[in-house]
Amino acid sequence: MSGADAEGRIVELEAAIAHQGVAIEELSDEVRRQGQVIDRLEKTLRELAERFLALEDVATPRPEITKPPHY
């Protein structure tokens, strides 16, 4: 392998590493954004579950506790 071939391969490797670095940063940013979306969705789901349970308590009254007829 000549010096020019080796230098060309080194330049190609450096370019590939630079592109991979950019790709890694973009992926990292996307993972961070998705984490924020998941956090918001989990918060919304918790709030909706609490509202649903509150409405369920109001909409479905508890049965009265009565003695069976044979008492």
N, C-alpha and C. Protein backbone atom coordinates (compact mmCIF):
# COMPACT_ATOMS: atom_id res chain seq x y z
N MET A 1 0.86 -1.16 0.00
CA MET A 1 0.00 0.00 0.00
C MET A 1 0.91 1.23 0.00
N SER A 2 0.62 2.12 -0.90
CA SER A 2 1.47 3.31 -1.00
C SER A 2 1.02 4.37 0.00
N GLY A 3 1.86 5.37 0.17
CA GLY A 3 1.56 6.46 1.10
C GLY A 3 0.31 7.22 0.71
N ALA A 4 0.09 7.40 -0.59
CA ALA A 4 -1.10 8.12 -1.07
C ALA A 4 -2.36 7.32 -0.79
N ASP A 5 -2.29 6.00 -0.97
CA ASP A 5 -3.45 5.15 -0.68
C ASP A 5 -3.80 5.19 0.80
N ALA A 6 -2.78 5.10 1.63
CA ALA A 6 -3.00 5.13 3.08
C ALA A 6 -3.57 6.47 3.50
N GLU A 7 -3.05 7.54 2.92
CA GLU A 7 -3.56 8.88 3.27
C GLU A 7 -5.01 9.04 2.82
N GLY A 8 -5.33 8.51 1.65
CA GLY A 8 -6.72 8.57 1.16
C GLY A 8 -7.66 7.80 2.07
N ARG A 9 -7.22 6.63 2.53
CA ARG A 9 -8.06 5.84 3.43
C ARG A 9 -8.25 6.55 4.76
N ILE A 10 -7.19 7.21 5.24
CA ILE A 10 -7.29 7.95 6.51
C ILE A 10 -8.29 9.09 6.36
N VAL A 11 -8.24 9.79 5.24
CA VAL A 11 -9.18 10.89 5.01
C VAL A 11 -10.61 10.36 4.97
N GLU A 12 -10.82 9.23 4.29
CA GLU A 12 -12.15 8.62 4.24
C GLU A 12 -12.63 8.22 5.63
N LEU A 13 -11.75 7.64 6.42
CA LEU A 13 -12.11 7.25 7.79
C LEU A 13 -12.45 8.46 8.64
N GLU A 14 -11.69 9.53 8.51
CA GLU A 14 -11.97 10.76 9.26
C GLU A 14 -13.33 11.33 8.87
N ALA A 15 -13.63 11.30 7.57
CA ALA A 15 -14.93 11.80 7.10
C ALA A 15 -16.06 10.93 7.65
N ALA A 16 -15.86 9.60 7.64
CA ALA A 16 -16.88 8.69 8.16
C ALA A 16 -17.11 8.93 9.64
N ILE A 17 -16.04 9.13 10.38
CA ILE A 17 -16.16 9.39 11.83
C ILE A 17 -16.89 10.70 12.08
N ALA A 18 -16.60 11.72 11.27
CA ALA A 18 -17.28 13.00 11.43
C ALA A 18 -18.77 12.85 11.17
N HIS A 19 -19.14 12.11 10.12
CA HIS A 19 -20.57 11.89 9.82
C HIS A 19 -21.24 11.09 10.94
N GLN A 20 -20.54 10.11 11.47
CA GLN A 20 -21.10 9.32 12.57
C GLN A 20 -21.30 10.17 13.81
N GLY A 21 -20.37 11.09 14.06
CA GLY A 21 -20.52 11.99 15.21
C GLY A 21 -21.77 12.85 15.08
N VAL A 22 -22.01 13.37 13.86
CA VAL A 22 -23.21 14.17 13.63
C VAL A 22 -24.46 13.31 13.81
N ALA A 23 -24.43 12.10 13.26
CA ALA A 23 -25.58 11.21 13.39
C ALA A 23 -25.86 10.88 14.85
N ILE A 24 -24.82 10.64 15.63
CA ILE A 24 -25.00 10.32 17.05
C ILE A 24 -25.62 11.50 17.79
N GLU A 25 -25.17 12.70 17.50
CA GLU A 25 -25.75 13.89 18.15
C GLU A 25 -27.21 14.06 17.77
N GLU A 26 -27.54 13.85 16.49
CA GLU A 26 -28.94 13.96 16.06
C GLU A 26 -29.81 12.91 16.75
N LEU A 27 -29.31 11.69 16.83
CA LEU A 27 -30.06 10.63 17.52
C LEU A 27 -30.23 10.94 19.00
N SER A 28 -29.20 11.47 19.62
CA SER A 28 -29.27 11.83 21.03
C SER A 28 -30.33 12.91 21.26
N ASP A 29 -30.35 13.90 20.38
CA ASP A 29 -31.36 14.96 20.48
C ASP A 29 -32.77 14.39 20.32
N GLU A 30 -32.92 13.46 19.38
CA GLU A 30 -34.23 12.86 19.15
C GLU A 30 -34.68 12.03 20.36
N VAL A 31 -33.77 11.29 20.95
CA VAL A 31 -34.10 10.50 22.15
C VAL A 31 -34.51 11.44 23.28
N ARG A 32 -33.82 12.56 23.43
CA ARG A 32 -34.18 13.53 24.47
C ARG A 32 -35.58 14.09 24.22
N ARG A 33 -35.87 14.45 22.95
CA ARG A 33 -37.21 14.98 22.63
C ARG A 33 -38.29 13.93 22.88
N GLN A 34 -38.02 12.70 22.51
CA GLN A 34 -39.01 11.64 22.74
C GLN A 34 -39.21 11.39 24.22
N GLY A 35 -38.15 11.50 25.00
CA GLY A 35 -38.28 11.36 26.45
C GLY A 35 -39.19 12.43 27.02
N GLN A 36 -39.06 13.66 26.52
CA GLN A 36 -39.92 14.75 26.98
C GLN A 36 -41.37 14.49 26.60
N VAL A 37 -41.59 13.98 25.39
CA VAL A 37 -42.96 13.66 24.96
C VAL A 37 -43.53 12.57 25.84
N ILE A 38 -42.75 11.54 26.13
CA ILE A 38 -43.23 10.44 26.98
C ILE A 38 -43.57 10.97 28.38
N ASP A 39 -42.74 11.85 28.92
CA ASP A 39 -43.03 12.43 30.23
C ASP A 39 -44.35 13.18 30.22
N ARG A 40 -44.59 13.98 29.16
CA ARG A 40 -45.86 14.72 29.07
C ARG A 40 -47.04 13.77 28.93
N LEU A 41 -46.87 12.71 28.13
CA LEU A 41 -47.96 11.75 27.94
C LEU A 41 -48.27 11.00 29.24
N GLU A 42 -47.23 10.63 29.99
CA GLU A 42 -47.46 9.95 31.27
C GLU A 42 -48.19 10.86 32.24
N LYS A 43 -47.81 12.14 32.28
CA LYS A 43 -48.48 13.09 33.17
C LYS A 43 -49.95 13.22 32.77
N THR A 44 -50.21 13.35 31.46
CA THR A 44 -51.59 13.47 30.98
C THR A 44 -52.39 12.22 31.32
N LEU A 45 -51.79 11.06 31.14
CA LEU A 45 -52.48 9.80 31.45
C LEU A 45 -52.83 9.71 32.93
N ARG A 46 -51.88 10.10 33.80
CA ARG A 46 -52.17 10.09 35.24
C ARG A 46 -53.33 11.02 35.57
N GLU A 47 -53.32 12.23 34.98
CA GLU A 47 -54.39 13.18 35.25
C GLU A 47 -55.74 12.66 34.76
N LEU A 48 -55.75 12.05 33.57
CA LEU A 48 -57.00 11.49 33.04
C LEU A 48 -57.49 10.33 33.90
N ALA A 49 -56.58 9.50 34.38
CA ALA A 49 -56.97 8.38 35.24
C ALA A 49 -57.59 8.90 36.53
N GLU A 50 -57.00 9.94 37.10
CA GLU A 50 -57.56 10.52 38.33
C GLU A 50 -58.95 11.10 38.08
N ARG A 51 -59.12 11.79 36.95
CA ARG A 51 -60.43 12.36 36.61
C ARG A 51 -61.45 11.25 36.39
N PHE A 52 -61.03 10.19 35.70
CA PHE A 52 -61.94 9.07 35.45
C PHE A 52 -62.39 8.43 36.75
N LEU A 53 -61.46 8.20 37.66
CA LEU A 53 -61.82 7.59 38.94
C LEU A 53 -62.75 8.50 39.74
N ALA A 54 -62.51 9.81 39.68
CA ALA A 54 -63.39 10.75 40.39
C ALA A 54 -64.79 10.72 39.78
N LEU A 55 -64.88 10.69 38.46
CA LEU A 55 -66.18 10.63 37.81
C LEU A 55 -66.88 9.30 38.08
N GLU A 56 -66.12 8.23 38.12
CA GLU A 56 -66.69 6.92 38.39
C GLU A 56 -67.31 6.88 39.79
N ASP A 57 -66.64 7.50 40.76
CA ASP A 57 -67.18 7.54 42.11
C ASP A 57 -68.49 8.30 42.16
N VAL A 58 -68.60 9.36 41.38
CA VAL A 58 -69.82 10.17 41.37
C VAL A 58 -70.92 9.48 40.57
N ALA A 59 -70.58 8.88 39.47
CA ALA A 59 -71.57 8.30 38.56
C ALA A 59 -72.13 6.97 39.05
N THR A 60 -71.37 6.21 39.79
CA THR A 60 -71.84 4.91 40.25
C THR A 60 -71.91 4.93 41.77
N PRO A 61 -73.09 5.21 42.28
CA PRO A 61 -73.22 5.27 43.75
C PRO A 61 -72.99 3.89 44.36
N ARG A 62 -72.48 3.92 45.55
CA ARG A 62 -72.21 2.69 46.28
C ARG A 62 -73.55 2.05 46.70
N PRO A 63 -73.63 0.74 46.64
CA PRO A 63 -74.87 0.09 47.09
C PRO A 63 -75.04 0.29 48.60
N GLU A 64 -76.30 0.45 48.98
CA GLU A 64 -76.58 0.62 50.41
C GLU A 64 -76.33 -0.69 51.14
N ILE A 65 -75.81 -0.57 52.33
CA ILE A 65 -75.59 -1.76 53.14
C ILE A 65 -76.88 -2.00 53.94
N THR A 66 -77.55 -3.08 53.59
CA THR A 66 -78.81 -3.42 54.28
C THR A 66 -78.71 -4.86 54.78
N LYS A 67 -79.55 -5.15 55.72
CA LYS A 67 -79.60 -6.51 56.24
C LYS A 67 -80.38 -7.38 55.25
N PRO A 68 -79.96 -8.60 55.10
CA PRO A 68 -80.75 -9.51 54.24
C PRO A 68 -82.17 -9.67 54.80
N PRO A 69 -83.13 -10.00 53.94
CA PRO A 69 -84.53 -10.07 54.39
C PRO A 69 -84.81 -11.10 55.47
N HIS A 70 -83.99 -12.09 55.66
CA HIS A 70 -84.29 -13.12 56.67
C HIS A 70 -83.89 -12.68 58.09
N TYR A 71 -83.36 -11.47 58.26
CA TYR A 71 -83.01 -11.02 59.60
C TYR A 71 -84.16 -10.30 60.23
